[in-house]
Amino acid sequence: MIRLYHNPRCSKSREALALLQEAGAEVEVIEYLKHPPTAAELDHILTLLQLEPRDLLRTKEEEYETLCLDDITLERESLIETMVDNPMLIERPIAVSANMAVVGRPPEKVLSLLDR
């Protein structure tokens, strides 16, 4: 089972979903703008990705500037909470298996979860 944090309005996210479906993967689609991950879930995803919250932030979103997220003194927990409260700031799509996660940029990267 692969969980796909998905935005149906995003072409990359739609491409990633289509690739997984075409490959016959069992996919749980989570429209993260409607159902954002909890702070604990996002922290776990970041651990699987081996990234820090700042690495998963969409810096071109208006909220990034409005919330002054370029402030390097912001701590991990604060950034995670901000991302949970403003899920449009989370890079997409993110595919998660039991022991691995990838950001689907490019979308073909999600296929790497099928080998695990």
C-alpha atoms as a PDB file:
ATOM      1  CA  MET A   1       0.000   0.000   0.000  1.00  0.00           C
ATOM      2  CA  ILE A   2       1.282   3.419  -0.971  1.00  0.00           C
ATOM      3  CA  ARG A   3      -0.161   6.578   0.547  1.00  0.00           C
ATOM      4  CA  LEU A   4      -0.087   9.465  -1.901  1.00  0.00           C
ATOM      5  CA  TYR A   5      -0.399  12.967  -0.487  1.00  0.00           C
ATOM      6  CA  HIS A   6      -2.127  14.391  -3.514  1.00  0.00           C
ATOM      7  CA  ASN A   7      -3.440  17.674  -4.889  1.00  0.00           C
ATOM      8  CA  PRO A   8      -5.759  16.920  -7.826  1.00  0.00           C
ATOM      9  CA  ARG A   9      -5.153  20.416  -9.226  1.00  0.00           C
ATOM     10  CA  CYS A  10      -1.403  19.750  -9.565  1.00  0.00           C
ATOM     11  CA  SER A  11      -0.272  18.169 -12.826  1.00  0.00           C
ATOM     12  CA  LYS A  12       2.762  16.510 -11.203  1.00  0.00           C
ATOM     13  CA  SER A  13       0.536  14.992  -8.546  1.00  0.00           C
ATOM     14  CA  ARG A  14      -1.924  13.707 -11.159  1.00  0.00           C
ATOM     15  CA  GLU A  15       0.965  12.233 -13.155  1.00  0.00           C
ATOM     16  CA  ALA A  16       2.353  10.467 -10.087  1.00  0.00           C
ATOM     17  CA  LEU A  17      -1.053   8.983  -9.268  1.00  0.00           C
ATOM     18  CA  ALA A  18      -1.524   7.793 -12.847  1.00  0.00           C
ATOM     19  CA  LEU A  19       1.925   6.162 -12.872  1.00  0.00           C
ATOM     20  CA  LEU A  20       1.207   4.265  -9.653  1.00  0.00           C
ATOM     21  CA  GLN A  21      -2.216   3.155 -10.882  1.00  0.00           C
ATOM     22  CA  GLU A  22      -0.811   2.049 -14.259  1.00  0.00           C
ATOM     23  CA  ALA A  23       1.805   0.013 -12.402  1.00  0.00           C
ATOM     24  CA  GLY A  24      -0.982  -1.746 -10.489  1.00  0.00           C
ATOM     25  CA  ALA A  25      -0.027  -0.325  -7.099  1.00  0.00           C
ATOM     26  CA  GLU A  26      -2.579  -0.213  -4.318  1.00  0.00           C
ATOM     27  CA  VAL A  27      -2.818   3.526  -3.596  1.00  0.00           C
ATOM     28  CA  GLU A  28      -4.487   5.366  -0.737  1.00  0.00           C
ATOM     29  CA  VAL A  29      -5.040   8.888  -2.021  1.00  0.00           C
ATOM     30  CA  ILE A  30      -4.969  11.611   0.613  1.00  0.00           C
ATOM     31  CA  GLU A  31      -6.040  15.033  -0.593  1.00  0.00           C
ATOM     32  CA  TYR A  32      -3.762  16.776   1.855  1.00  0.00           C
ATOM     33  CA  LEU A  33      -5.269  20.236   1.348  1.00  0.00           C
ATOM     34  CA  LYS A  34      -8.581  18.874   2.683  1.00  0.00           C
ATOM     35  CA  HIS A  35      -7.037  16.406   5.140  1.00  0.00           C
ATOM     36  CA  PRO A  36      -3.576  17.648   6.144  1.00  0.00           C
ATOM     37  CA  PRO A  37      -1.236  15.301   7.962  1.00  0.00           C
ATOM     38  CA  THR A  38      -0.899  15.725  11.692  1.00  0.00           C
ATOM     39  CA  ALA A  39       2.346  17.109  13.071  1.00  0.00           C
ATOM     40  CA  ALA A  40       3.373  13.572  14.065  1.00  0.00           C
ATOM     41  CA  GLU A  41       2.559  12.217  10.593  1.00  0.00           C
ATOM     42  CA  LEU A  42       4.481  15.010   8.890  1.00  0.00           C
ATOM     43  CA  ASP A  43       7.430  14.487  11.223  1.00  0.00           C
ATOM     44  CA  HIS A  44       7.413  10.768  10.332  1.00  0.00           C
ATOM     45  CA  ILE A  45       7.218  11.559   6.601  1.00  0.00           C
ATOM     46  CA  LEU A  46      10.160  13.946   6.936  1.00  0.00           C
ATOM     47  CA  THR A  47      12.136  11.231   8.724  1.00  0.00           C
ATOM     48  CA  LEU A  48      11.390   8.750   5.922  1.00  0.00           C
ATOM     49  CA  LEU A  49      12.359  11.375   3.341  1.00  0.00           C
ATOM     50  CA  GLN A  50      15.509  12.195   5.331  1.00  0.00           C
ATOM     51  CA  LEU A  51      14.638  15.874   4.967  1.00  0.00           C
ATOM     52  CA  GLU A  52      14.130  18.823   7.249  1.00  0.00           C
ATOM     53  CA  PRO A  53      10.846  20.768   7.123  1.00  0.00           C
ATOM     54  CA  ARG A  54      12.469  23.644   5.275  1.00  0.00           C
ATOM     55  CA  ASP A  55      13.402  21.217   2.453  1.00  0.00           C
ATOM     56  CA  LEU A  56       9.716  20.405   1.916  1.00  0.00           C
ATOM     57  CA  LEU A  57       8.409  23.986   1.938  1.00  0.00           C
ATOM     58  CA  ARG A  58       6.957  25.509  -1.209  1.00  0.00           C
ATOM     59  CA  THR A  59       8.836  28.809  -1.107  1.00  0.00           C
ATOM     60  CA  LYS A  60       6.907  30.430  -3.954  1.00  0.00           C
ATOM     61  CA  GLU A  61       3.566  30.286  -2.130  1.00  0.00           C
ATOM     62  CA  GLU A  62       2.269  33.624  -0.864  1.00  0.00           C
ATOM     63  CA  GLU A  63       1.988  32.201   2.669  1.00  0.00           C
ATOM     64  CA  TYR A  64       5.726  31.515   2.711  1.00  0.00           C
ATOM     65  CA  GLU A  65       6.427  35.237   2.526  1.00  0.00           C
ATOM     66  CA  THR A  66       3.434  36.301   4.621  1.00  0.00           C
ATOM     67  CA  LEU A  67       4.450  33.995   7.464  1.00  0.00           C
ATOM     68  CA  CYS A  68       8.138  35.026   7.209  1.00  0.00           C
ATOM     69  CA  LEU A  69       9.228  31.424   6.772  1.00  0.00           C
ATOM     70  CA  ASP A  70      12.587  32.485   5.422  1.00  0.00           C
ATOM     71  CA  ASP A  71      13.518  33.243   9.056  1.00  0.00           C
ATOM     72  CA  ILE A  72      16.329  30.750   9.669  1.00  0.00           C
ATOM     73  CA  THR A  73      15.754  30.850  13.441  1.00  0.00           C
ATOM     74  CA  LEU A  74      12.422  29.026  13.122  1.00  0.00           C
ATOM     75  CA  GLU A  75      12.685  25.616  14.751  1.00  0.00           C
ATOM     76  CA  ARG A  76      11.683  22.272  13.279  1.00  0.00           C
ATOM     77  CA  GLU A  77       8.530  21.911  15.393  1.00  0.00           C
ATOM     78  CA  SER A  78       7.377  25.412  14.517  1.00  0.00           C
ATOM     79  CA  LEU A  79       7.860  24.807  10.799  1.00  0.00           C
ATOM     80  CA  ILE A  80       5.993  21.483  10.991  1.00  0.00           C
ATOM     81  CA  GLU A  81       3.065  23.114  12.799  1.00  0.00           C
ATOM     82  CA  THR A  82       2.986  25.895  10.226  1.00  0.00           C
ATOM     83  CA  MET A  83       2.914  23.328   7.414  1.00  0.00           C
ATOM     84  CA  VAL A  84       0.075  21.423   9.104  1.00  0.00           C
ATOM     85  CA  ASP A  85      -1.881  24.659   9.545  1.00  0.00           C
ATOM     86  CA  ASN A  86      -1.093  25.767   5.961  1.00  0.00           C
ATOM     87  CA  PRO A  87      -0.863  22.541   3.935  1.00  0.00           C
ATOM     88  CA  MET A  88      -0.483  24.419   0.638  1.00  0.00           C
ATOM     89  CA  LEU A  89       3.089  25.019   1.817  1.00  0.00           C
ATOM     90  CA  ILE A  90       3.897  21.287   1.626  1.00  0.00           C
ATOM     91  CA  GLU A  91       5.655  20.172  -1.548  1.00  0.00           C
ATOM     92  CA  ARG A  92       3.694  17.653  -3.574  1.00  0.00           C
ATOM     93  CA  PRO A  93       3.143  14.906  -4.352  1.00  0.00           C
ATOM     94  CA  ILE A  94       4.575  12.770  -1.572  1.00  0.00           C
ATOM     95  CA  ALA A  95       4.342   8.996  -1.803  1.00  0.00           C
ATOM     96  CA  VAL A  96       4.837   6.930   1.343  1.00  0.00           C
ATOM     97  CA  SER A  97       5.249   3.185   1.768  1.00  0.00           C
ATOM     98  CA  ALA A  98       5.818   1.287   4.999  1.00  0.00           C
ATOM     99  CA  ASN A  99       9.511   2.140   5.212  1.00  0.00           C
ATOM    100  CA  MET A 100      10.244   4.787   2.589  1.00  0.00           C
ATOM    101  CA  ALA A 101       8.929   8.033   1.154  1.00  0.00           C
ATOM    102  CA  VAL A 102       9.682  10.101  -1.931  1.00  0.00           C
ATOM    103  CA  VAL A 103       8.688  13.477  -3.281  1.00  0.00           C
ATOM    104  CA  GLY A 104       7.290  12.902  -6.749  1.00  0.00           C
ATOM    105  CA  ARG A 105       9.373  15.503  -8.526  1.00  0.00           C
ATOM    106  CA  PRO A 106       9.696  14.311 -11.178  1.00  0.00           C
ATOM    107  CA  PRO A 107       6.583  12.098 -10.904  1.00  0.00           C
ATOM    108  CA  GLU A 108       8.508   8.973 -11.963  1.00  0.00           C
ATOM    109  CA  LYS A 109      10.277   8.996  -8.592  1.00  0.00           C
ATOM    110  CA  VAL A 110       7.160   7.493  -6.984  1.00  0.00           C
ATOM    111  CA  LEU A 111       7.807   4.270  -8.902  1.00  0.00           C
ATOM    112  CA  SER A 112      10.895   3.660  -6.747  1.00  0.00           C
ATOM    113  CA  LEU A 113       8.522   2.646  -3.931  1.00  0.00           C
ATOM    114  CA  LEU A 114       7.341  -0.341  -5.971  1.00  0.00           C
ATOM    115  CA  ASP A 115      10.740  -1.995  -5.685  1.00  0.00           C
ATOM    116  CA  ARG A 116      10.602  -1.996  -1.885  1.00  0.00           C
END
